[in-house]
C-alpha atoms as a PDB file:
ATOM      1  CA  UNK A   1      21.772 -56.009  21.971  1.00  0.00           C
ATOM      2  CA  UNK A   2      20.369 -55.022  25.618  1.00  0.00           C
ATOM      3  CA  UNK A   3      21.085 -51.423  26.811  1.00  0.00           C
ATOM      4  CA  UNK A   4      23.649 -52.641  29.380  1.00  0.00           C
ATOM      5  CA  UNK A   5      25.625 -54.410  26.996  1.00  0.00           C
ATOM      6  CA  UNK A   6      25.747 -51.705  25.044  1.00  0.00           C
ATOM      7  CA  UNK A   7      26.855 -49.261  28.062  1.00  0.00           C
ATOM      8  CA  UNK A   8      29.523 -51.375  28.984  1.00  0.00           C
ATOM      9  CA  UNK A   9      30.667 -51.716  25.064  1.00  0.00           C
ATOM     10  CA  UNK A  10      30.952 -48.038  25.119  1.00  0.00           C
ATOM     11  CA  UNK A  11      32.665 -47.777  28.035  1.00  0.00           C
ATOM     12  CA  UNK A  12      35.551 -50.149  26.676  1.00  0.00           C
ATOM     13  CA  UNK A  13      35.496 -48.466  23.369  1.00  0.00           C
ATOM     14  CA  UNK A  14      35.786 -45.364  24.427  1.00  0.00           C
ATOM     15  CA  UNK A  15      37.495 -45.328  28.303  1.00  0.00           C
ATOM     16  CA  UNK A  16      36.091 -42.318  30.764  1.00  0.00           C
ATOM     17  CA  UNK A  17      37.166 -41.118  33.795  1.00  0.00           C
ATOM     18  CA  UNK A  18      35.263 -41.344  37.278  1.00  0.00           C
ATOM     19  CA  UNK A  19      32.485 -38.841  37.192  1.00  0.00           C
ATOM     20  CA  UNK A  20      33.382 -37.911  40.841  1.00  0.00           C
ATOM     21  CA  UNK A  21      37.263 -37.707  41.061  1.00  0.00           C
ATOM     22  CA  UNK A  22      38.344 -37.703  37.514  1.00  0.00           C
ATOM     23  CA  UNK A  23      40.532 -40.965  38.032  1.00  0.00           C
ATOM     24  CA  UNK A  24      40.496 -43.828  35.578  1.00  0.00           C
ATOM     25  CA  UNK A  25      37.241 -45.854  35.504  1.00  0.00           C
ATOM     26  CA  UNK A  26      36.867 -47.887  32.346  1.00  0.00           C
ATOM     27  CA  UNK A  27      34.599 -50.223  33.551  1.00  0.00           C
ATOM     28  CA  UNK A  28      32.024 -48.098  35.713  1.00  0.00           C
ATOM     29  CA  UNK A  29      30.837 -44.628  35.954  1.00  0.00           C
ATOM     30  CA  UNK A  30      32.411 -44.451  39.657  1.00  0.00           C
ATOM     31  CA  UNK A  31      35.833 -45.562  40.128  1.00  0.00           C
ATOM     32  CA  UNK A  32      36.342 -48.108  43.134  1.00  0.00           C
ATOM     33  CA  UNK A  33      38.121 -45.943  45.564  1.00  0.00           C
ATOM     34  CA  UNK A  34      35.079 -43.364  45.179  1.00  0.00           C
ATOM     35  CA  UNK A  35      32.472 -46.167  45.380  1.00  0.00           C
ATOM     36  CA  UNK A  36      33.688 -46.998  48.915  1.00  0.00           C
ATOM     37  CA  UNK A  37      32.890 -43.528  50.287  1.00  0.00           C
ATOM     38  CA  UNK A  38      29.489 -43.220  49.107  1.00  0.00           C
ATOM     39  CA  UNK A  39      26.851 -42.717  52.100  1.00  0.00           C
ATOM     40  CA  UNK A  40      25.156 -45.869  52.430  1.00  0.00           C
ATOM     41  CA  UNK A  41      22.205 -46.280  54.605  1.00  0.00           C
ATOM     42  CA  UNK A  42      22.928 -47.576  58.141  1.00  0.00           C
ATOM     43  CA  UNK A  43      20.124 -48.863  60.531  1.00  0.00           C
ATOM     44  CA  UNK A  44      16.775 -47.933  59.072  1.00  0.00           C
ATOM     45  CA  UNK A  45      13.129 -48.491  59.496  1.00  0.00           C
ATOM     46  CA  UNK A  46      12.277 -51.107  56.686  1.00  0.00           C
ATOM     47  CA  UNK A  47       8.944 -49.135  55.509  1.00  0.00           C
ATOM     48  CA  UNK A  48      10.138 -45.471  55.222  1.00  0.00           C
ATOM     49  CA  UNK A  49      13.997 -45.978  55.309  1.00  0.00           C
ATOM     50  CA  UNK A  50      14.634 -43.302  57.818  1.00  0.00           C
ATOM     51  CA  UNK A  51      17.063 -44.302  60.760  1.00  0.00           C
ATOM     52  CA  UNK A  52      15.735 -46.519  63.183  1.00  0.00           C
ATOM     53  CA  UNK A  53      17.520 -48.505  65.895  1.00  0.00           C
ATOM     54  CA  UNK A  54      17.833 -52.168  65.412  1.00  0.00           C
ATOM     55  CA  UNK A  55      16.109 -51.697  61.640  1.00  0.00           C
ATOM     56  CA  UNK A  56      12.549 -51.658  63.304  1.00  0.00           C
ATOM     57  CA  UNK A  57       9.456 -50.131  62.057  1.00  0.00           C
ATOM     58  CA  UNK A  58       9.690 -46.351  63.065  1.00  0.00           C
ATOM     59  CA  UNK A  59       6.874 -44.871  65.483  1.00  0.00           C
ATOM     60  CA  UNK A  60       5.762 -42.883  62.505  1.00  0.00           C
ATOM     61  CA  UNK A  61       5.060 -45.663  60.080  1.00  0.00           C
ATOM     62  CA  UNK A  62       3.350 -47.609  63.295  1.00  0.00           C
ATOM     63  CA  UNK A  63       1.280 -44.840  64.028  1.00  0.00           C
ATOM     64  CA  UNK A  64       0.269 -43.717  60.460  1.00  0.00           C
ATOM     65  CA  UNK A  65       1.086 -46.544  58.031  1.00  0.00           C
ATOM     66  CA  UNK A  66       1.803 -45.620  54.602  1.00  0.00           C
ATOM     67  CA  UNK A  67       0.587 -47.337  51.544  1.00  0.00           C
ATOM     68  CA  UNK A  68       3.834 -48.785  50.384  1.00  0.00           C
ATOM     69  CA  UNK A  69       5.121 -51.460  52.679  1.00  0.00           C
ATOM     70  CA  UNK A  70       8.602 -51.180  51.894  1.00  0.00           C
ATOM     71  CA  UNK A  71      11.399 -48.840  50.704  1.00  0.00           C
ATOM     72  CA  UNK A  72      14.893 -50.044  49.641  1.00  0.00           C
ATOM     73  CA  UNK A  73      17.594 -47.348  49.199  1.00  0.00           C
ATOM     74  CA  UNK A  74      21.097 -47.667  47.771  1.00  0.00           C
ATOM     75  CA  UNK A  75      22.276 -44.585  49.379  1.00  0.00           C
ATOM     76  CA  UNK A  76      21.389 -41.465  51.415  1.00  0.00           C
ATOM     77  CA  UNK A  77      21.021 -38.288  49.703  1.00  0.00           C
ATOM     78  CA  UNK A  78      24.376 -36.724  50.882  1.00  0.00           C
ATOM     79  CA  UNK A  79      27.544 -35.567  49.069  1.00  0.00           C
ATOM     80  CA  UNK A  80      28.573 -36.927  46.581  1.00  0.00           C
ATOM     81  CA  UNK A  81      25.674 -38.947  45.899  1.00  0.00           C
ATOM     82  CA  UNK A  82      23.507 -35.684  45.523  1.00  0.00           C
ATOM     83  CA  UNK A  83      26.041 -34.518  42.983  1.00  0.00           C
ATOM     84  CA  UNK A  84      25.661 -37.827  40.934  1.00  0.00           C
ATOM     85  CA  UNK A  85      21.824 -37.483  40.936  1.00  0.00           C
ATOM     86  CA  UNK A  86      21.772 -34.033  40.071  1.00  0.00           C
ATOM     87  CA  UNK A  87      24.386 -34.429  37.121  1.00  0.00           C
ATOM     88  CA  UNK A  88      22.310 -37.359  35.711  1.00  0.00           C
ATOM     89  CA  UNK A  89      18.722 -35.329  35.804  1.00  0.00           C
ATOM     90  CA  UNK A  90      19.950 -31.774  35.080  1.00  0.00           C
ATOM     91  CA  UNK A  91      23.004 -32.316  32.976  1.00  0.00           C
ATOM     92  CA  UNK A  92      21.806 -35.618  30.966  1.00  0.00           C
ATOM     93  CA  UNK A  93      24.830 -37.648  32.147  1.00  0.00           C
ATOM     94  CA  UNK A  94      22.470 -40.700  31.047  1.00  0.00           C
ATOM     95  CA  UNK A  95      25.671 -43.111  31.572  1.00  0.00           C
ATOM     96  CA  UNK A  96      24.656 -43.245  35.012  1.00  0.00           C
ATOM     97  CA  UNK A  97      21.370 -44.959  34.558  1.00  0.00           C
ATOM     98  CA  UNK A  98      22.929 -48.359  34.322  1.00  0.00           C
ATOM     99  CA  UNK A  99      25.147 -47.847  37.139  1.00  0.00           C
ATOM    100  CA  UNK A 100      22.374 -46.832  39.491  1.00  0.00           C
ATOM    101  CA  UNK A 101      20.357 -49.642  38.368  1.00  0.00           C
ATOM    102  CA  UNK A 102      23.026 -52.124  38.970  1.00  0.00           C
ATOM    103  CA  UNK A 103      23.271 -50.844  42.729  1.00  0.00           C
ATOM    104  CA  UNK A 104      19.263 -50.980  42.901  1.00  0.00           C
ATOM    105  CA  UNK A 105      18.877 -54.540  41.454  1.00  0.00           C
ATOM    106  CA  UNK A 106      21.009 -55.911  44.225  1.00  0.00           C
ATOM    107  CA  UNK A 107      18.799 -54.912  47.136  1.00  0.00           C
ATOM    108  CA  UNK A 108      15.641 -56.727  45.429  1.00  0.00           C
ATOM    109  CA  UNK A 109      15.387 -59.862  47.191  1.00  0.00           C
ATOM    110  CA  UNK A 110      12.279 -61.341  45.104  1.00  0.00           C
ATOM    111  CA  UNK A 111      12.763 -62.818  41.476  1.00  0.00           C
ATOM    112  CA  UNK A 112      10.910 -61.034  38.233  1.00  0.00           C
ATOM    113  CA  UNK A 113       9.696 -57.787  39.621  1.00  0.00           C
ATOM    114  CA  UNK A 114       6.897 -55.675  38.001  1.00  0.00           C
ATOM    115  CA  UNK A 115       8.363 -52.472  37.617  1.00  0.00           C
ATOM    116  CA  UNK A 116       6.812 -48.917  37.543  1.00  0.00           C
ATOM    117  CA  UNK A 117       8.890 -45.900  36.890  1.00  0.00           C
ATOM    118  CA  UNK A 118       7.589 -42.688  38.823  1.00  0.00           C
ATOM    119  CA  UNK A 119       5.594 -40.728  36.142  1.00  0.00           C
ATOM    120  CA  UNK A 120       6.547 -37.529  35.055  1.00  0.00           C
ATOM    121  CA  UNK A 121       3.895 -34.998  33.883  1.00  0.00           C
ATOM    122  CA  UNK A 122       4.105 -34.209  30.185  1.00  0.00           C
ATOM    123  CA  UNK A 123       4.847 -30.818  30.768  1.00  0.00           C
ATOM    124  CA  UNK A 124       7.968 -31.533  32.814  1.00  0.00           C
ATOM    125  CA  UNK A 125       8.845 -34.401  30.513  1.00  0.00           C
ATOM    126  CA  UNK A 126       9.158 -32.025  27.740  1.00  0.00           C
ATOM    127  CA  UNK A 127      11.236 -29.813  29.521  1.00  0.00           C
ATOM    128  CA  UNK A 128      13.627 -32.257  30.710  1.00  0.00           C
ATOM    129  CA  UNK A 129      13.736 -34.247  27.923  1.00  0.00           C
ATOM    130  CA  UNK A 130      13.588 -37.948  29.646  1.00  0.00           C
ATOM    131  CA  UNK A 131      12.308 -39.611  32.660  1.00  0.00           C
ATOM    132  CA  UNK A 132      15.151 -40.311  34.753  1.00  0.00           C
ATOM    133  CA  UNK A 133      13.062 -42.898  36.823  1.00  0.00           C
ATOM    134  CA  UNK A 134      12.226 -44.611  33.764  1.00  0.00           C
ATOM    135  CA  UNK A 135      15.938 -44.747  32.491  1.00  0.00           C
ATOM    136  CA  UNK A 136      16.875 -46.023  35.733  1.00  0.00           C
ATOM    137  CA  UNK A 137      13.848 -48.862  35.800  1.00  0.00           C
ATOM    138  CA  UNK A 138      14.673 -50.075  32.111  1.00  0.00           C
ATOM    139  CA  UNK A 139      18.298 -51.163  33.686  1.00  0.00           C
ATOM    140  CA  UNK A 140      16.666 -52.514  36.449  1.00  0.00           C
ATOM    141  CA  UNK A 141      14.372 -54.790  34.713  1.00  0.00           C
ATOM    142  CA  UNK A 142      17.127 -56.110  32.485  1.00  0.00           C
ATOM    143  CA  UNK A 143      19.385 -56.959  35.332  1.00  0.00           C
ATOM    144  CA  UNK A 144      16.639 -58.359  37.919  1.00  0.00           C
ATOM    145  CA  UNK A 145      14.761 -60.062  34.938  1.00  0.00           C
ATOM    146  CA  UNK A 146      11.309 -58.365  35.605  1.00  0.00           C
ATOM    147  CA  UNK A 147       9.078 -56.112  33.415  1.00  0.00           C
ATOM    148  CA  UNK A 148       8.248 -52.309  33.133  1.00  0.00           C
ATOM    149  CA  UNK A 149       4.850 -51.168  32.778  1.00  0.00           C
ATOM    150  CA  UNK A 150       5.542 -48.359  30.701  1.00  0.00           C
ATOM    151  CA  UNK A 151       2.246 -46.745  30.082  1.00  0.00           C
ATOM    152  CA  UNK A 152       0.143 -48.180  33.123  1.00  0.00           C
ATOM    153  CA  UNK A 153       0.090 -44.944  35.239  1.00  0.00           C
ATOM    154  CA  UNK A 154       0.113 -41.368  34.255  1.00  0.00           C
ATOM    155  CA  UNK A 155       0.583 -38.271  35.965  1.00  0.00           C
ATOM    156  CA  UNK A 156      -2.183 -36.258  34.924  1.00  0.00           C
ATOM    157  CA  UNK A 157      -2.167 -32.966  36.484  1.00  0.00           C
ATOM    158  CA  UNK A 158       0.888 -30.569  36.743  1.00  0.00           C
ATOM    159  CA  UNK A 159       2.307 -29.740  40.409  1.00  0.00           C
ATOM    160  CA  UNK A 160       4.565 -27.365  41.837  1.00  0.00           C
ATOM    161  CA  UNK A 161       8.242 -28.905  43.000  1.00  0.00           C
ATOM    162  CA  UNK A 162       7.860 -30.727  46.165  1.00  0.00           C
ATOM    163  CA  UNK A 163      11.151 -29.046  47.336  1.00  0.00           C
ATOM    164  CA  UNK A 164       9.736 -25.649  46.835  1.00  0.00           C
ATOM    165  CA  UNK A 165       6.904 -26.416  49.415  1.00  0.00           C
ATOM    166  CA  UNK A 166       6.818 -26.805  52.969  1.00  0.00           C
ATOM    167  CA  UNK A 167       6.472 -30.083  54.394  1.00  0.00           C
ATOM    168  CA  UNK A 168       2.787 -29.712  55.299  1.00  0.00           C
ATOM    169  CA  UNK A 169       1.683 -28.627  51.841  1.00  0.00           C
ATOM    170  CA  UNK A 170       3.571 -31.211  49.757  1.00  0.00           C
ATOM    171  CA  UNK A 171       0.832 -34.096  50.549  1.00  0.00           C
ATOM    172  CA  UNK A 172      -2.003 -31.603  49.298  1.00  0.00           C
ATOM    173  CA  UNK A 173       0.186 -30.758  46.324  1.00  0.00           C
ATOM    174  CA  UNK A 174       0.496 -34.537  44.972  1.00  0.00           C
ATOM    175  CA  UNK A 175      -3.278 -35.738  46.171  1.00  0.00           C
ATOM    176  CA  UNK A 176      -4.960 -37.456  43.356  1.00  0.00           C
ATOM    177  CA  UNK A 177      -2.226 -36.626  40.283  1.00  0.00           C
ATOM    178  CA  UNK A 178      -1.794 -40.181  39.183  1.00  0.00           C
ATOM    179  CA  UNK A 179      -4.272 -42.331  37.336  1.00  0.00           C
ATOM    180  CA  UNK A 180      -3.792 -45.934  36.462  1.00  0.00           C
ATOM    181  CA  UNK A 181      -4.808 -46.783  32.930  1.00  0.00           C
ATOM    182  CA  UNK A 182      -5.036 -50.582  33.277  1.00  0.00           C
ATOM    183  CA  UNK A 183      -5.744 -52.936  36.358  1.00  0.00           C
ATOM    184  CA  UNK A 184      -2.530 -53.665  38.421  1.00  0.00           C
ATOM    185  CA  UNK A 185      -2.610 -57.566  38.287  1.00  0.00           C
ATOM    186  CA  UNK A 186       0.317 -58.403  40.776  1.00  0.00           C
ATOM    187  CA  UNK A 187       0.688 -59.102  44.017  1.00  0.00           C
ATOM    188  CA  UNK A 188       3.820 -57.013  44.436  1.00  0.00           C
ATOM    189  CA  UNK A 189       4.763 -53.816  42.589  1.00  0.00           C
ATOM    190  CA  UNK A 190       8.242 -51.978  42.547  1.00  0.00           C
ATOM    191  CA  UNK A 191       8.247 -48.283  42.056  1.00  0.00           C
ATOM    192  CA  UNK A 192      11.443 -46.820  40.880  1.00  0.00           C
ATOM    193  CA  UNK A 193      12.480 -43.262  41.509  1.00  0.00           C
ATOM    194  CA  UNK A 194      15.653 -41.314  41.987  1.00  0.00           C
ATOM    195  CA  UNK A 195      15.142 -39.422  45.363  1.00  0.00           C
ATOM    196  CA  UNK A 196      12.724 -40.130  48.288  1.00  0.00           C
ATOM    197  CA  UNK A 197      12.353 -36.859  50.394  1.00  0.00           C
ATOM    198  CA  UNK A 198       9.124 -36.973  52.348  1.00  0.00           C
ATOM    199  CA  UNK A 199       7.776 -39.947  50.749  1.00  0.00           C
ATOM    200  CA  UNK A 200       4.537 -38.005  49.867  1.00  0.00           C
ATOM    201  CA  UNK A 201       4.680 -38.457  46.360  1.00  0.00           C
ATOM    202  CA  UNK A 202       5.414 -42.147  46.401  1.00  0.00           C
ATOM    203  CA  UNK A 203       2.617 -42.601  48.995  1.00  0.00           C
ATOM    204  CA  UNK A 204       0.374 -41.203  46.797  1.00  0.00           C
ATOM    205  CA  UNK A 205       1.426 -43.282  43.798  1.00  0.00           C
ATOM    206  CA  UNK A 206       1.266 -46.313  46.335  1.00  0.00           C
ATOM    207  CA  UNK A 207      -2.180 -45.571  46.769  1.00  0.00           C
ATOM    208  CA  UNK A 208      -3.220 -45.339  43.384  1.00  0.00           C
ATOM    209  CA  UNK A 209      -1.462 -48.544  42.472  1.00  0.00           C
ATOM    210  CA  UNK A 210      -3.535 -50.379  45.359  1.00  0.00           C
ATOM    211  CA  UNK A 211      -6.491 -48.810  44.479  1.00  0.00           C
ATOM    212  CA  UNK A 212      -6.093 -50.463  40.857  1.00  0.00           C
ATOM    213  CA  UNK A 213      -5.248 -53.941  42.136  1.00  0.00           C
ATOM    214  CA  UNK A 214      -1.564 -54.195  43.794  1.00  0.00           C
ATOM    215  CA  UNK A 215      -1.544 -55.895  46.963  1.00  0.00           C
ATOM    216  CA  UNK A 216       1.855 -54.456  47.979  1.00  0.00           C
ATOM    217  CA  UNK A 217       4.130 -51.888  46.785  1.00  0.00           C
ATOM    218  CA  UNK A 218       7.779 -51.430  47.343  1.00  0.00           C
ATOM    219  CA  UNK A 219       9.793 -48.077  46.733  1.00  0.00           C
ATOM    220  CA  UNK A 220      13.348 -48.687  45.235  1.00  0.00           C
ATOM    221  CA  UNK A 221      15.200 -45.431  45.227  1.00  0.00           C
ATOM    222  CA  UNK A 222      18.398 -44.452  44.379  1.00  0.00           C
ATOM    223  CA  UNK A 223      18.762 -42.136  47.608  1.00  0.00           C
ATOM    224  CA  UNK A 224      16.931 -41.126  50.561  1.00  0.00           C
ATOM    225  CA  UNK A 225      17.055 -37.626  52.159  1.00  0.00           C
ATOM    226  CA  UNK A 226      17.652 -37.972  56.013  1.00  0.00           C
ATOM    227  CA  UNK A 227      16.286 -35.248  58.519  1.00  0.00           C
ATOM    228  CA  UNK A 228      18.958 -32.522  58.684  1.00  0.00           C
ATOM    229  CA  UNK A 229      20.010 -33.936  62.107  1.00  0.00           C
ATOM    230  CA  UNK A 230      20.952 -37.018  60.721  1.00  0.00           C
ATOM    231  CA  UNK A 231      23.234 -36.110  57.962  1.00  0.00           C
ATOM    232  CA  UNK A 232      26.832 -36.943  58.358  1.00  0.00           C
ATOM    233  CA  UNK A 233      29.853 -35.038  57.519  1.00  0.00           C
ATOM    234  CA  UNK A 234      31.349 -36.212  54.461  1.00  0.00           C
ATOM    235  CA  UNK A 235      34.023 -39.169  54.815  1.00  0.00           C
ATOM    236  CA  UNK A 236      37.469 -37.740  54.351  1.00  0.00           C
ATOM    237  CA  UNK A 237      39.455 -39.693  51.683  1.00  0.00           C
END
């Protein structure tokens, strides 16, 4: 039985409450009411997913094109999406993985994607106990009919948390941290991650994948962090 079927069966056998409001939500981790107020991206640059009028490629991506070609984000990293991702990563709420994946799979507009989950260094993997990106990627592959390359790329050097560093240090922090264990024989590769902040890590991974043979790299992320001035107040319910 597939992972998604098992997750659905578990929710039917053991009804659970919405992770945000604690209301009844037997079919999914988040109830329909809370789903309606999650902060969805508005007009955004198709490359980096930051706000851009008319969904045009932004000036930064035109002036300094990244190695990835597109970024697809389900939501922006604001309340309450930030709480859901933190619960998933740091409190082992793994029932969110298939729910995140369903939202991400809807964004893909091409069939049979070749998927790579953002790798974790073995030290971080041991600390957390699971790779959150891989948990989501497996479900995305089930829904979209794609294939996950589980061991194609490794993060061979431990790095400091990007969130601990100033913006100008984040690129240096992740430089040359990934290695491909095999050639990438695909025109288009989808990289799954939970949060895109500056995009430095995703860009470095895209650079590595293109060196290994990928023609295009598409980021598929649960949430995109917005510049402070672009963040919106929570929607009143």
